[in-house]
Amino acid sequence: MAYEQNGLPTGFGAGDSVLGAAARNRVLRNTYALLALSMVPTVLGAWIGVSTGFSFFAGSPFIGLIVFMAVAFGFFFAIEKFKNSAIGVGLLLAFTFFMGLMLSRLVGHVLGMSNGASLVMTAFGGTAGIFAVMATIATVSKRDFTGMGKWLLVGFLVILVASIANIWLQMPALTLTISALAVLIFSAFILFDLQRVINGGETNYVTATLSVYLSVYNVFSNLLVILGVVGGDRD
């Protein structure tokens, strides 16, 4: 658990109080480091999923969504509960492995195209570029982006409702619209979450990493959907 040392909380999560500049920078560095580490189990999970043909309720996408949400929120609860200990870090890495497995069906579908590997690398590069831009803005901008929170939440709910509806509608145009909106919304979430860390609004790097990871994951997956639809070569 976190404890006080020289007036500043220390420990795995860096505590839950308002931090000074040095401590905020430490939380930000730890967030970046853990975010980078979280990519390892994600890639591993995706590779195993593609190699084994992993399918998560492929024949019943609505039931699959419900089960996925239940598992995801179970992880969220556990990570929050243990965020100030090594258990929280382990749970976060286990969650990213699970998310890699969930991503494998999309990755496998795109890799089945003749230019699939190129599309995956393009989505990866695009995601890295978006992250770099958002991180730079969050670091150097004097503007307060915390007011975006309620609008980003509304945008997320719109995406969620539209995605559920499209399970039955199966409209390619709606799929592209949802993915384009998702890239914009989750890119803004990266900016929002990183600035909260920089300004001391989020003082626990495990929680911060989880938030940023989910945004990065959604940017990548939705970029991959867009590229697969508009640029995929199925010959």
Protein backbone atom coordinates (compact mmCIF):
# COMPACT_ATOMS: atom_id res chain seq x y z
CA MET A 1 0.00 0.00 0.00
CA ALA A 2 1.03 3.62 -0.48
CA TYR A 3 2.55 5.48 2.45
CA GLU A 4 3.86 8.97 3.11
CA GLN A 5 7.52 9.85 2.73
CA ASN A 6 8.77 13.46 2.85
CA GLY A 7 5.20 14.62 2.50
CA LEU A 8 4.63 12.69 -0.73
CA PRO A 9 2.82 9.38 -1.15
CA THR A 10 4.89 6.51 -2.49
CA GLY A 11 4.22 2.90 -3.45
CA PHE A 12 3.09 1.04 -6.54
CA GLY A 13 0.29 3.45 -7.38
CA ALA A 14 1.89 6.68 -6.11
CA GLY A 15 -1.02 7.36 -3.78
CA ASP A 16 -4.32 9.20 -4.06
CA SER A 17 -3.60 12.79 -2.98
CA VAL A 18 -2.63 15.89 -4.92
CA LEU A 19 1.06 15.61 -5.84
CA GLY A 20 3.87 18.09 -6.34
CA ALA A 21 5.56 18.57 -9.72
CA ALA A 22 8.31 15.99 -9.11
CA ALA A 23 5.82 13.37 -7.99
CA ARG A 24 3.50 14.10 -10.93
CA ASN A 25 6.41 13.60 -13.31
CA ARG A 26 7.18 10.29 -11.60
CA VAL A 27 3.58 9.14 -12.02
CA LEU A 28 3.71 10.16 -15.70
CA ARG A 29 6.97 8.27 -16.27
CA ASN A 30 5.59 5.18 -14.55
CA THR A 31 2.43 5.43 -16.63
CA TYR A 32 4.43 5.52 -19.86
CA ALA A 33 6.62 2.62 -18.72
CA LEU A 34 3.69 0.44 -17.70
CA LEU A 35 1.81 1.34 -20.88
CA ALA A 36 4.80 0.19 -22.94
CA LEU A 37 5.03 -3.01 -20.90
CA SER A 38 1.30 -3.67 -21.38
CA MET A 39 1.85 -3.93 -25.13
CA VAL A 40 3.83 -7.15 -24.62
CA PRO A 41 0.92 -9.28 -23.29
CA THR A 42 -1.41 -7.59 -25.79
CA VAL A 43 0.74 -8.65 -28.73
CA LEU A 44 1.20 -12.10 -27.17
CA GLY A 45 -2.53 -12.52 -26.70
CA ALA A 46 -3.24 -11.40 -30.27
CA TRP A 47 -0.58 -13.77 -31.64
CA ILE A 48 -1.94 -16.73 -29.69
CA GLY A 49 -5.48 -15.86 -30.74
CA VAL A 50 -4.57 -15.66 -34.42
CA SER A 51 -2.48 -18.85 -34.25
CA THR A 52 -5.21 -20.87 -32.54
CA GLY A 53 -8.18 -19.37 -34.35
CA PHE A 54 -9.56 -18.02 -31.07
CA SER A 55 -13.21 -17.04 -31.34
CA PHE A 56 -15.24 -15.39 -28.58
CA PHE A 57 -18.93 -16.19 -29.14
CA ALA A 58 -18.50 -15.53 -32.87
CA GLY A 59 -21.88 -17.08 -33.60
CA SER A 60 -23.66 -14.91 -31.03
CA PRO A 61 -22.07 -11.44 -31.02
CA PHE A 62 -24.61 -9.91 -28.61
CA ILE A 63 -24.02 -12.62 -26.00
CA GLY A 64 -20.31 -12.23 -26.67
CA LEU A 65 -20.56 -8.50 -25.97
CA ILE A 66 -22.34 -9.11 -22.67
CA VAL A 67 -19.78 -11.69 -21.54
CA PHE A 68 -16.92 -9.46 -22.67
CA MET A 69 -18.31 -6.50 -20.71
CA ALA A 70 -18.76 -8.69 -17.63
CA VAL A 71 -15.16 -9.93 -17.80
CA ALA A 72 -13.81 -6.44 -18.53
CA PHE A 73 -15.66 -4.81 -15.64
CA GLY A 74 -14.52 -7.63 -13.38
CA PHE A 75 -10.94 -6.73 -14.28
CA PHE A 76 -11.67 -3.02 -13.77
CA PHE A 77 -13.01 -3.66 -10.28
CA ALA A 78 -10.08 -5.89 -9.32
CA ILE A 79 -7.47 -3.50 -10.74
CA GLU A 80 -9.00 -0.58 -8.86
CA LYS A 81 -9.11 -2.61 -5.64
CA PHE A 82 -5.43 -3.57 -5.85
CA LYS A 83 -4.09 -0.50 -7.66
CA ASN A 84 -1.62 0.32 -4.87
CA SER A 85 0.11 -3.07 -4.95
CA ALA A 86 1.98 -5.37 -7.33
CA ILE A 87 -1.23 -7.39 -7.65
CA GLY A 88 -2.79 -4.44 -9.45
CA VAL A 89 0.06 -4.37 -11.96
CA GLY A 90 -0.29 -8.13 -12.53
CA LEU A 91 -4.05 -7.82 -13.02
CA LEU A 92 -3.53 -5.00 -15.49
CA LEU A 93 -1.10 -7.11 -17.53
CA ALA A 94 -3.52 -10.06 -17.41
CA PHE A 95 -6.27 -7.76 -18.67
CA THR A 96 -4.11 -6.58 -21.57
CA PHE A 97 -3.46 -10.22 -22.51
CA PHE A 98 -7.22 -10.79 -22.53
CA MET A 99 -7.68 -7.72 -24.71
CA GLY A 100 -5.05 -9.08 -27.10
CA LEU A 101 -7.06 -12.27 -27.41
CA MET A 102 -10.18 -10.22 -28.11
CA LEU A 103 -8.31 -8.30 -30.80
CA SER A 104 -7.05 -11.44 -32.53
CA ARG A 105 -10.18 -12.05 -34.61
CA LEU A 106 -9.94 -8.60 -36.20
CA VAL A 107 -6.18 -8.91 -36.69
CA GLY A 108 -6.58 -12.39 -38.19
CA HIS A 109 -9.26 -11.13 -40.57
CA VAL A 110 -7.04 -8.28 -41.79
CA LEU A 111 -3.96 -10.51 -42.04
CA GLY A 112 -6.01 -12.78 -44.30
CA MET A 113 -5.92 -10.00 -46.92
CA SER A 114 -3.02 -9.92 -49.36
CA ASN A 115 -1.88 -6.56 -47.95
CA GLY A 116 -2.93 -7.39 -44.39
CA ALA A 117 0.51 -7.09 -42.78
CA SER A 118 0.93 -3.64 -44.31
CA LEU A 119 -2.48 -2.56 -42.99
CA VAL A 120 -1.64 -3.74 -39.46
CA MET A 121 1.65 -1.82 -39.53
CA THR A 122 -0.12 1.26 -40.90
CA ALA A 123 -2.68 1.09 -38.06
CA PHE A 124 0.15 0.67 -35.56
CA GLY A 125 2.04 3.64 -37.01
CA GLY A 126 -1.10 5.76 -37.07
CA THR A 127 -1.84 4.92 -33.45
CA ALA A 128 1.72 5.74 -32.41
CA GLY A 129 1.51 9.05 -34.26
CA ILE A 130 -1.80 9.97 -32.64
CA PHE A 131 -0.45 9.08 -29.22
CA ALA A 132 2.68 11.18 -29.77
CA VAL A 133 0.62 14.20 -30.86
CA MET A 134 -1.83 13.91 -27.96
CA ALA A 135 0.98 13.41 -25.42
CA THR A 136 2.81 16.46 -26.77
CA ILE A 137 -0.31 18.63 -26.59
CA ALA A 138 -1.04 17.41 -23.06
CA THR A 139 2.52 18.28 -22.02
CA VAL A 140 3.05 21.68 -23.63
CA SER A 141 -0.43 23.18 -23.88
CA LYS A 142 -1.56 25.62 -21.20
CA ARG A 143 -5.18 24.96 -22.05
CA ASP A 144 -7.29 23.00 -19.56
CA PHE A 145 -8.92 20.05 -21.33
CA THR A 146 -10.71 18.66 -18.28
CA GLY A 147 -13.96 20.22 -19.47
CA MET A 148 -14.01 17.71 -22.33
CA GLY A 149 -14.80 14.89 -19.92
CA LYS A 150 -18.59 15.05 -20.07
CA TRP A 151 -18.61 15.43 -23.86
CA LEU A 152 -16.24 12.52 -24.30
CA LEU A 153 -18.51 10.40 -22.10
CA VAL A 154 -21.49 11.33 -24.29
CA GLY A 155 -19.48 10.46 -27.40
CA PHE A 156 -18.51 7.10 -25.92
CA LEU A 157 -22.14 6.29 -25.11
CA VAL A 158 -23.17 7.19 -28.67
CA ILE A 159 -20.48 4.87 -30.04
CA LEU A 160 -21.57 2.07 -27.68
CA VAL A 161 -25.26 2.34 -28.60
CA ALA A 162 -24.49 2.55 -32.32
CA SER A 163 -22.14 -0.45 -32.10
CA ILE A 164 -24.79 -2.55 -30.36
CA ALA A 165 -27.37 -1.54 -32.98
CA ASN A 166 -24.97 -2.44 -35.78
CA ILE A 167 -24.72 -6.00 -34.46
CA TRP A 168 -28.11 -6.50 -36.09
CA LEU A 169 -27.99 -3.83 -38.82
CA GLN A 170 -24.59 -4.91 -40.22
CA MET A 171 -24.29 -1.70 -42.26
CA PRO A 172 -20.78 -1.09 -43.70
CA ALA A 173 -21.38 2.68 -43.84
CA LEU A 174 -22.38 2.71 -40.18
CA THR A 175 -19.35 0.59 -39.31
CA LEU A 176 -17.05 3.14 -40.93
CA THR A 177 -18.87 6.03 -39.25
CA ILE A 178 -18.61 4.38 -35.83
CA SER A 179 -14.91 3.62 -36.29
CA ALA A 180 -14.09 7.14 -37.51
CA LEU A 181 -15.94 8.66 -34.57
CA ALA A 182 -14.23 6.22 -32.20
CA VAL A 183 -10.77 7.24 -33.45
CA LEU A 184 -11.62 10.90 -32.77
CA ILE A 185 -13.20 10.27 -29.36
CA PHE A 186 -10.50 7.96 -28.03
CA SER A 187 -7.73 10.19 -29.36
CA ALA A 188 -9.26 12.98 -27.30
CA PHE A 189 -9.47 10.60 -24.33
CA ILE A 190 -5.68 10.09 -24.56
CA LEU A 191 -5.21 13.86 -24.31
CA PHE A 192 -7.71 14.12 -21.48
CA ASP A 193 -6.25 11.28 -19.41
CA LEU A 194 -2.61 12.30 -19.87
CA GLN A 195 -3.33 15.89 -18.90
CA ARG A 196 -5.05 14.66 -15.74
CA VAL A 197 -1.80 12.92 -14.80
CA ILE A 198 0.31 15.95 -15.71
CA ASN A 199 -1.92 18.29 -13.69
CA GLY A 200 -2.13 15.92 -10.72
CA GLY A 201 -5.78 14.99 -11.22
CA GLU A 202 -4.81 11.30 -11.45
CA THR A 203 -2.15 10.24 -8.96
CA ASN A 204 -2.15 6.47 -9.42
CA TYR A 205 -0.15 5.23 -12.38
CA VAL A 206 -1.90 1.85 -12.53
CA THR A 207 -5.28 3.54 -12.94
CA ALA A 208 -3.80 6.07 -15.36
CA THR A 209 -2.24 3.31 -17.46
CA LEU A 210 -5.54 1.43 -17.66
CA SER A 211 -7.36 4.54 -18.91
CA VAL A 212 -4.73 5.43 -21.51
CA TYR A 213 -4.35 1.79 -22.60
CA LEU A 214 -8.07 1.47 -23.34
CA SER A 215 -7.95 4.62 -25.47
CA VAL A 216 -4.85 3.48 -27.38
CA TYR A 217 -6.39 0.03 -27.89
CA ASN A 218 -9.59 1.53 -29.31
CA VAL A 219 -7.72 3.92 -31.59
CA PHE A 220 -5.68 1.03 -33.02
CA SER A 221 -8.59 -1.38 -33.44
CA ASN A 222 -10.81 1.19 -35.11
CA LEU A 223 -8.04 2.40 -37.41
CA LEU A 224 -7.58 -1.25 -38.39
CA VAL A 225 -11.31 -1.57 -39.12
CA ILE A 226 -11.22 1.51 -41.34
CA LEU A 227 -8.11 0.36 -43.19
CA GLY A 228 -9.52 -3.12 -43.65
CA VAL A 229 -12.76 -1.78 -45.14
CA VAL A 230 -11.37 0.94 -47.41
CA GLY A 231 -7.88 -0.39 -48.17
CA GLY A 232 -8.08 -4.13 -47.82
CA ASP A 233 -7.03 -6.19 -50.85
CA ARG A 234 -9.00 -9.43 -50.86
CA ASP A 235 -7.52 -10.82 -54.09
